[in-house]
PDB file of N, CA and C in Angstrom:
ATOM      1  N   MET A   1     -22.785  -4.195   0.151  1.00  0.00           N
ATOM      2  CA  MET A   1     -22.619  -5.310  -0.284  1.00  0.00           C
ATOM      3  C   MET A   1     -21.334  -6.369  -1.256  1.00  0.00           C
ATOM      4  N   GLY A   2     -21.337  -5.681  -2.274  1.00  0.00           N
ATOM      5  CA  GLY A   2     -21.304  -5.721  -3.537  1.00  0.00           C
ATOM      6  C   GLY A   2     -20.173  -5.950  -3.038  1.00  0.00           C
ATOM      7  N   ILE A   3     -18.514  -4.713  -2.486  1.00  0.00           N
ATOM      8  CA  ILE A   3     -17.397  -4.622  -3.268  1.00  0.00           C
ATOM      9  C   ILE A   3     -16.503  -5.013  -2.166  1.00  0.00           C
ATOM     10  N   ASP A   4     -17.325  -5.021  -1.341  1.00  0.00           N
ATOM     11  CA  ASP A   4     -16.889  -4.857   0.217  1.00  0.00           C
ATOM     12  C   ASP A   4     -16.325  -6.430   0.659  1.00  0.00           C
ATOM     13  N   ILE A   5     -17.074  -7.115   0.737  1.00  0.00           N
ATOM     14  CA  ILE A   5     -16.786  -8.697   0.109  1.00  0.00           C
ATOM     15  C   ILE A   5     -16.179  -9.126  -0.160  1.00  0.00           C
ATOM     16  N   VAL A   6     -16.126  -8.642  -1.585  1.00  0.00           N
ATOM     17  CA  VAL A   6     -15.000  -9.185  -2.907  1.00  0.00           C
ATOM     18  C   VAL A   6     -13.924  -8.427  -2.746  1.00  0.00           C
ATOM     19  N   LEU A   7     -13.299  -7.308  -1.240  1.00  0.00           N
ATOM     20  CA  LEU A   7     -11.777  -6.908  -1.241  1.00  0.00           C
ATOM     21  C   LEU A   7     -11.492  -7.754  -0.121  1.00  0.00           C
ATOM     22  N   LYS A   8     -12.564  -7.882   1.208  1.00  0.00           N
ATOM     23  CA  LYS A   8     -11.931  -8.648   2.500  1.00  0.00           C
ATOM     24  C   LYS A   8     -11.880 -10.661   1.288  1.00  0.00           C
ATOM     25  N   ILE A   9     -12.280 -10.732   0.532  1.00  0.00           N
ATOM     26  CA  ILE A   9     -11.338 -12.201  -0.188  1.00  0.00           C
ATOM     27  C   ILE A   9     -10.718 -11.941  -0.283  1.00  0.00           C
ATOM     28  N   ALA A  10     -10.019 -10.934  -1.483  1.00  0.00           N
ATOM     29  CA  ALA A  10      -8.411  -9.970  -1.795  1.00  0.00           C
ATOM     30  C   ALA A  10      -7.749  -9.926  -0.786  1.00  0.00           C
ATOM     31  N   GLY A  11      -8.157  -9.136   0.494  1.00  0.00           N
ATOM     32  CA  GLY A  11      -7.110  -9.642   1.866  1.00  0.00           C
ATOM     33  C   GLY A  11      -7.189 -10.373   2.152  1.00  0.00           C
ATOM     34  N   ILE A  12      -7.869 -11.371   2.766  1.00  0.00           N
ATOM     35  CA  ILE A  12      -7.137 -12.667   2.762  1.00  0.00           C
ATOM     36  C   ILE A  12      -6.466 -13.357   2.079  1.00  0.00           C
ATOM     37  N   GLY A  13      -7.056 -13.181   0.772  1.00  0.00           N
ATOM     38  CA  GLY A  13      -5.653 -14.109  -0.105  1.00  0.00           C
ATOM     39  C   GLY A  13      -4.409 -13.480   0.183  1.00  0.00           C
ATOM     40  N   ILE A  14      -4.412 -12.112  -0.592  1.00  0.00           N
ATOM     41  CA  ILE A  14      -2.872 -11.585  -0.283  1.00  0.00           C
ATOM     42  C   ILE A  14      -2.383 -11.752   1.197  1.00  0.00           C
ATOM     43  N   LEU A  15      -3.440 -11.630   2.691  1.00  0.00           N
ATOM     44  CA  LEU A  15      -2.513 -12.226   2.971  1.00  0.00           C
ATOM     45  C   LEU A  15      -1.720 -14.030   3.595  1.00  0.00           C
ATOM     46  N   VAL A  16      -2.900 -14.985   2.789  1.00  0.00           N
ATOM     47  CA  VAL A  16      -2.388 -16.897   2.820  1.00  0.00           C
ATOM     48  C   VAL A  16      -1.574 -16.361   2.068  1.00  0.00           C
ATOM     49  N   ALA A  17      -1.168 -15.679   1.201  1.00  0.00           N
ATOM     50  CA  ALA A  17      -0.144 -15.612   0.280  1.00  0.00           C
ATOM     51  C   ALA A  17       1.163 -15.656   0.673  1.00  0.00           C
ATOM     52  N   ALA A  18       0.734 -13.757   1.731  1.00  0.00           N
ATOM     53  CA  ALA A  18       2.085 -13.619   2.951  1.00  0.00           C
ATOM     54  C   ALA A  18       2.907 -14.451   2.895  1.00  0.00           C
ATOM     55  N   ALA A  19       2.236 -15.206   4.316  1.00  0.00           N
ATOM     56  CA  ALA A  19       2.283 -16.029   4.950  1.00  0.00           C
ATOM     57  C   ALA A  19       2.942 -17.274   4.417  1.00  0.00           C
ATOM     58  N   CYS A  20       2.500 -18.013   3.364  1.00  0.00           N
ATOM     59  CA  CYS A  20       2.977 -18.691   2.879  1.00  0.00           C
ATOM     60  C   CYS A  20       4.158 -19.444   1.805  1.00  0.00           C
ATOM     61  N   GLN A  21       4.737 -18.122   1.686  1.00  0.00           N
ATOM     62  CA  GLN A  21       6.095 -17.484   1.509  1.00  0.00           C
ATOM     63  C   GLN A  21       6.688 -17.228   2.404  1.00  0.00           C
ATOM     64  N   LEU A  22       6.364 -16.962   3.307  1.00  0.00           N
ATOM     65  CA  LEU A  22       7.545 -16.857   4.280  1.00  0.00           C
ATOM     66  C   LEU A  22       7.569 -17.932   4.904  1.00  0.00           C
ATOM     67  N   LEU A  23       6.441 -18.653   5.450  1.00  0.00           N
ATOM     68  CA  LEU A  23       6.958 -20.073   5.486  1.00  0.00           C
ATOM     69  C   LEU A  23       7.041 -21.362   4.760  1.00  0.00           C
ATOM     70  N   LYS A  24       7.453 -21.177   3.733  1.00  0.00           N
ATOM     71  CA  LYS A  24       8.041 -21.693   2.310  1.00  0.00           C
ATOM     72  C   LYS A  24       9.824 -21.701   2.540  1.00  0.00           C
ATOM     73  N   GLN A  25       9.692 -20.195   2.782  1.00  0.00           N
ATOM     74  CA  GLN A  25      11.072 -19.659   2.925  1.00  0.00           C
ATOM     75  C   GLN A  25      11.902 -19.798   4.292  1.00  0.00           C
ATOM     76  N   ALA A  26      11.495 -20.508   5.384  1.00  0.00           N
ATOM     77  CA  ALA A  26      11.442 -20.847   6.956  1.00  0.00           C
ATOM     78  C   ALA A  26      11.499 -22.279   6.185  1.00  0.00           C
ATOM     79  N   GLY A  27      11.512 -22.879   4.634  1.00  0.00           N
ATOM     80  CA  GLY A  27      11.250 -24.332   5.211  1.00  0.00           C
ATOM     81  C   GLY A  27      10.297 -25.267   6.149  1.00  0.00           C
ATOM     82  N   ARG A  28       8.882 -24.517   5.998  1.00  0.00           N
ATOM     83  CA  ARG A  28       8.053 -24.725   7.246  1.00  0.00           C
ATOM     84  C   ARG A  28       7.400 -26.013   6.003  1.00  0.00           C
ATOM     85  N   ASP A  29       7.317 -26.185   4.857  1.00  0.00           N
ATOM     86  CA  ASP A  29       6.051 -25.927   3.758  1.00  0.00           C
ATOM     87  C   ASP A  29       4.575 -26.530   4.118  1.00  0.00           C
ATOM     88  N   ASP A  30       4.915 -27.671   5.271  1.00  0.00           N
ATOM     89  CA  ASP A  30       3.647 -28.550   5.940  1.00  0.00           C
ATOM     90  C   ASP A  30       2.610 -27.500   6.682  1.00  0.00           C
ATOM     91  N   ILE A  31       3.835 -26.502   7.084  1.00  0.00           N
ATOM     92  CA  ILE A  31       2.768 -25.089   7.788  1.00  0.00           C
ATOM     93  C   ILE A  31       2.145 -24.746   6.784  1.00  0.00           C
ATOM     94  N   ALA A  32       2.807 -24.548   5.856  1.00  0.00           N
ATOM     95  CA  ALA A  32       2.774 -22.917   5.022  1.00  0.00           C
ATOM     96  C   ALA A  32       1.390 -23.731   3.814  1.00  0.00           C
ATOM     97  N   MET A  33       1.363 -25.258   3.854  1.00  0.00           N
ATOM     98  CA  MET A  33      -0.174 -25.416   3.648  1.00  0.00           C
ATOM     99  C   MET A  33      -1.051 -25.977   4.244  1.00  0.00           C
ATOM    100  N   LEU A  34      -1.397 -25.484   6.003  1.00  0.00           N
ATOM    101  CA  LEU A  34      -1.884 -25.886   6.340  1.00  0.00           C
ATOM    102  C   LEU A  34      -2.034 -24.026   6.506  1.00  0.00           C
ATOM    103  N   THR A  35      -2.050 -23.380   5.994  1.00  0.00           N
ATOM    104  CA  THR A  35      -1.698 -22.192   6.330  1.00  0.00           C
ATOM    105  C   THR A  35      -3.242 -22.025   4.793  1.00  0.00           C
ATOM    106  N   ALA A  36      -2.305 -22.039   3.591  1.00  0.00           N
ATOM    107  CA  ALA A  36      -3.219 -22.199   3.108  1.00  0.00           C
ATOM    108  C   ALA A  36      -4.591 -22.930   2.828  1.00  0.00           C
ATOM    109  N   ILE A  37      -5.365 -24.150   3.357  1.00  0.00           N
ATOM    110  CA  ILE A  37      -5.983 -24.326   3.458  1.00  0.00           C
ATOM    111  C   ILE A  37      -6.869 -24.094   4.305  1.00  0.00           C
ATOM    112  N   ALA A  38      -6.648 -23.390   5.472  1.00  0.00           N
ATOM    113  CA  ALA A  38      -7.510 -22.212   6.160  1.00  0.00           C
ATOM    114  C   ALA A  38      -7.723 -21.385   6.292  1.00  0.00           C
ATOM    115  N   GLY A  39      -7.072 -20.929   5.246  1.00  0.00           N
ATOM    116  CA  GLY A  39      -7.056 -19.114   3.839  1.00  0.00           C
ATOM    117  C   GLY A  39      -8.370 -20.119   3.024  1.00  0.00           C
ATOM    118  N   ILE A  40      -8.793 -21.119   2.523  1.00  0.00           N
ATOM    119  CA  ILE A  40      -9.733 -21.390   1.742  1.00  0.00           C
ATOM    120  C   ILE A  40     -10.708 -21.687   2.960  1.00  0.00           C
ATOM    121  N   ILE A  41     -10.902 -22.498   3.481  1.00  0.00           N
ATOM    122  CA  ILE A  41     -11.623 -22.388   4.382  1.00  0.00           C
ATOM    123  C   ILE A  41     -12.673 -21.568   5.068  1.00  0.00           C
ATOM    124  N   ILE A  42     -11.451 -20.487   5.269  1.00  0.00           N
ATOM    125  CA  ILE A  42     -12.150 -19.084   6.057  1.00  0.00           C
ATOM    126  C   ILE A  42     -13.317 -18.532   4.818  1.00  0.00           C
ATOM    127  N   VAL A  43     -12.191 -18.411   3.650  1.00  0.00           N
ATOM    128  CA  VAL A  43     -13.295 -18.236   2.047  1.00  0.00           C
ATOM    129  C   VAL A  43     -14.613 -18.600   1.451  1.00  0.00           C
ATOM    130  N   LEU A  44     -14.130 -19.533   1.841  1.00  0.00           N
ATOM    131  CA  LEU A  44     -15.640 -21.425   1.552  1.00  0.00           C
ATOM    132  C   LEU A  44     -16.562 -20.365   2.620  1.00  0.00           C
ATOM    133  N   THR A  45     -16.144 -20.804   3.912  1.00  0.00           N
ATOM    134  CA  THR A  45     -17.733 -19.922   4.804  1.00  0.00           C
ATOM    135  C   THR A  45     -17.863 -18.150   4.761  1.00  0.00           C
ATOM    136  N   MET A  46     -17.601 -17.755   3.746  1.00  0.00           N
ATOM    137  CA  MET A  46     -17.552 -16.499   3.705  1.00  0.00           C
ATOM    138  C   MET A  46     -19.702 -16.527   2.514  1.00  0.00           C
ATOM    139  N   VAL A  47     -18.521 -17.361   1.197  1.00  0.00           N
ATOM    140  CA  VAL A  47     -19.561 -17.663   0.563  1.00  0.00           C
ATOM    141  C   VAL A  47     -20.138 -18.206   1.001  1.00  0.00           C
ATOM    142  N   ALA A  48     -20.398 -19.396   0.754  1.00  0.00           N
ATOM    143  CA  ALA A  48     -21.419 -20.700   1.934  1.00  0.00           C
ATOM    144  C   ALA A  48     -22.706 -19.651   2.679  1.00  0.00           C
ATOM    145  N   GLY A  49     -22.207 -18.654   3.056  1.00  0.00           N
ATOM    146  CA  GLY A  49     -23.037 -17.407   4.406  1.00  0.00           C
ATOM    147  C   GLY A  49     -24.063 -17.242   2.871  1.00  0.00           C
ATOM    148  N   LEU A  50     -23.266 -15.732   1.986  1.00  0.00           N
ATOM    149  CA  LEU A  50     -23.446 -15.863   0.679  1.00  0.00           C
ATOM    150  C   LEU A  50     -24.531 -16.029   0.042  1.00  0.00           C
ATOM    151  N   VAL A  51     -24.283 -17.059  -0.247  1.00  0.00           N
ATOM    152  CA  VAL A  51     -25.141 -17.897  -1.163  1.00  0.00           C
ATOM    153  C   VAL A  51     -25.857 -18.288  -0.532  1.00  0.00           C
ATOM    154  N   SER A  52     -26.021 -18.647   0.983  1.00  0.00           N
ATOM    155  CA  SER A  52     -27.167 -18.803   1.461  1.00  0.00           C
ATOM    156  C   SER A  52     -28.858 -17.783   2.402  1.00  0.00           C
ATOM    157  N   ASN A  53     -27.947 -17.042   0.904  1.00  0.00           N
ATOM    158  CA  ASN A  53     -28.865 -15.409   1.309  1.00  0.00           C
ATOM    159  C   ASN A  53     -29.724 -15.366   0.553  1.00  0.00           C
ATOM    160  N   LEU A  54     -28.694 -15.414  -0.850  1.00  0.00           N
ATOM    161  CA  LEU A  54     -29.907 -15.347  -1.365  1.00  0.00           C
ATOM    162  C   LEU A  54     -30.405 -16.845  -2.131  1.00  0.00           C
ATOM    163  N   PHE A  55     -30.209 -17.918  -1.600  1.00  0.00           N
ATOM    164  CA  PHE A  55     -31.861 -18.387  -1.931  1.00  0.00           C
ATOM    165  C   PHE A  55     -32.553 -18.368  -0.612  1.00  0.00           C
ATOM    166  N   SER A  56     -32.936 -17.335   0.636  1.00  0.00           N
ATOM    167  CA  SER A  56     -33.549 -16.797   0.674  1.00  0.00           C
ATOM    168  C   SER A  56     -33.802 -15.327   0.127  1.00  0.00           C
ATOM    169  N   ASN A  57     -33.768 -15.264  -0.470  1.00  0.00           N
ATOM    170  CA  ASN A  57     -33.622 -13.754  -0.988  1.00  0.00           C
ATOM    171  C   ASN A  57     -34.696 -14.075  -2.301  1.00  0.00           C
ATOM    172  N   ILE A  58     -34.715 -15.575  -3.019  1.00  0.00           N
ATOM    173  CA  ILE A  58     -34.821 -15.650  -4.173  1.00  0.00           C
ATOM    174  C   ILE A  58     -35.672 -16.381  -3.341  1.00  0.00           C
ATOM    175  N   GLN A  59     -35.936 -17.222  -1.878  1.00  0.00           N
ATOM    176  CA  GLN A  59     -37.647 -17.444  -1.201  1.00  0.00           C
ATOM    177  C   GLN A  59     -38.203 -16.807  -1.285  1.00  0.00           C
ATOM    178  N   SER A  60     -38.068 -15.552  -1.160  1.00  0.00           N
ATOM    179  CA  SER A  60     -38.733 -14.857  -0.313  1.00  0.00           C
ATOM    180  C   SER A  60     -39.479 -13.398  -1.849  1.00  0.00           C
ATOM    181  N   VAL A  61     -39.111 -13.831  -2.971  1.00  0.00           N
ATOM    182  CA  VAL A  61     -39.402 -13.058  -3.613  1.00  0.00           C
ATOM    183  C   VAL A  61     -40.309 -13.726  -4.736  1.00  0.00           C
ATOM    184  N   PHE A  62     -40.519 -15.046  -4.828  1.00  0.00           N
ATOM    185  CA  PHE A  62     -41.086 -16.055  -5.977  1.00  0.00           C
ATOM    186  C   PHE A  62     -41.921 -15.822  -4.518  1.00  0.00           C
ATOM    187  N   GLU A  63     -41.972 -15.750  -3.680  1.00  0.00           N
ATOM    188  CA  GLU A  63     -43.033 -16.480  -2.330  1.00  0.00           C
ATOM    189  C   GLU A  63     -43.110 -17.953  -2.458  1.00  0.00           C
ATOM    190  N   LEU A  64     -42.223 -18.899  -2.279  1.00  0.00           N
ATOM    191  CA  LEU A  64     -42.199 -20.230  -2.102  1.00  0.00           C
ATOM    192  C   LEU A  64     -41.768 -20.135  -0.853  1.00  0.00           C
ATOM    193  N   TYR A  65     -42.630 -21.520  -0.263  1.00  0.00           N
ATOM    194  CA  TYR A  65     -42.930 -22.452   0.617  1.00  0.00           C
ATOM    195  C   TYR A  65     -42.865 -21.080   1.612  1.00  0.00           C
TER     196      TYR A  65
END
């Protein structure tokens, strides 16, 4: 679980960066900004799921609730 999520996030970052560069060179700065925001949202949802799993694991380890 450790390295695969890091590689997924890095892959998304590389794809978003390439797409932003292509769109900026084409003169579509507004679409490039939306692409960057979409990439950030995708990564944040992935991280939010991981944090949720972390808290549920902590609850089960310490027998909370």
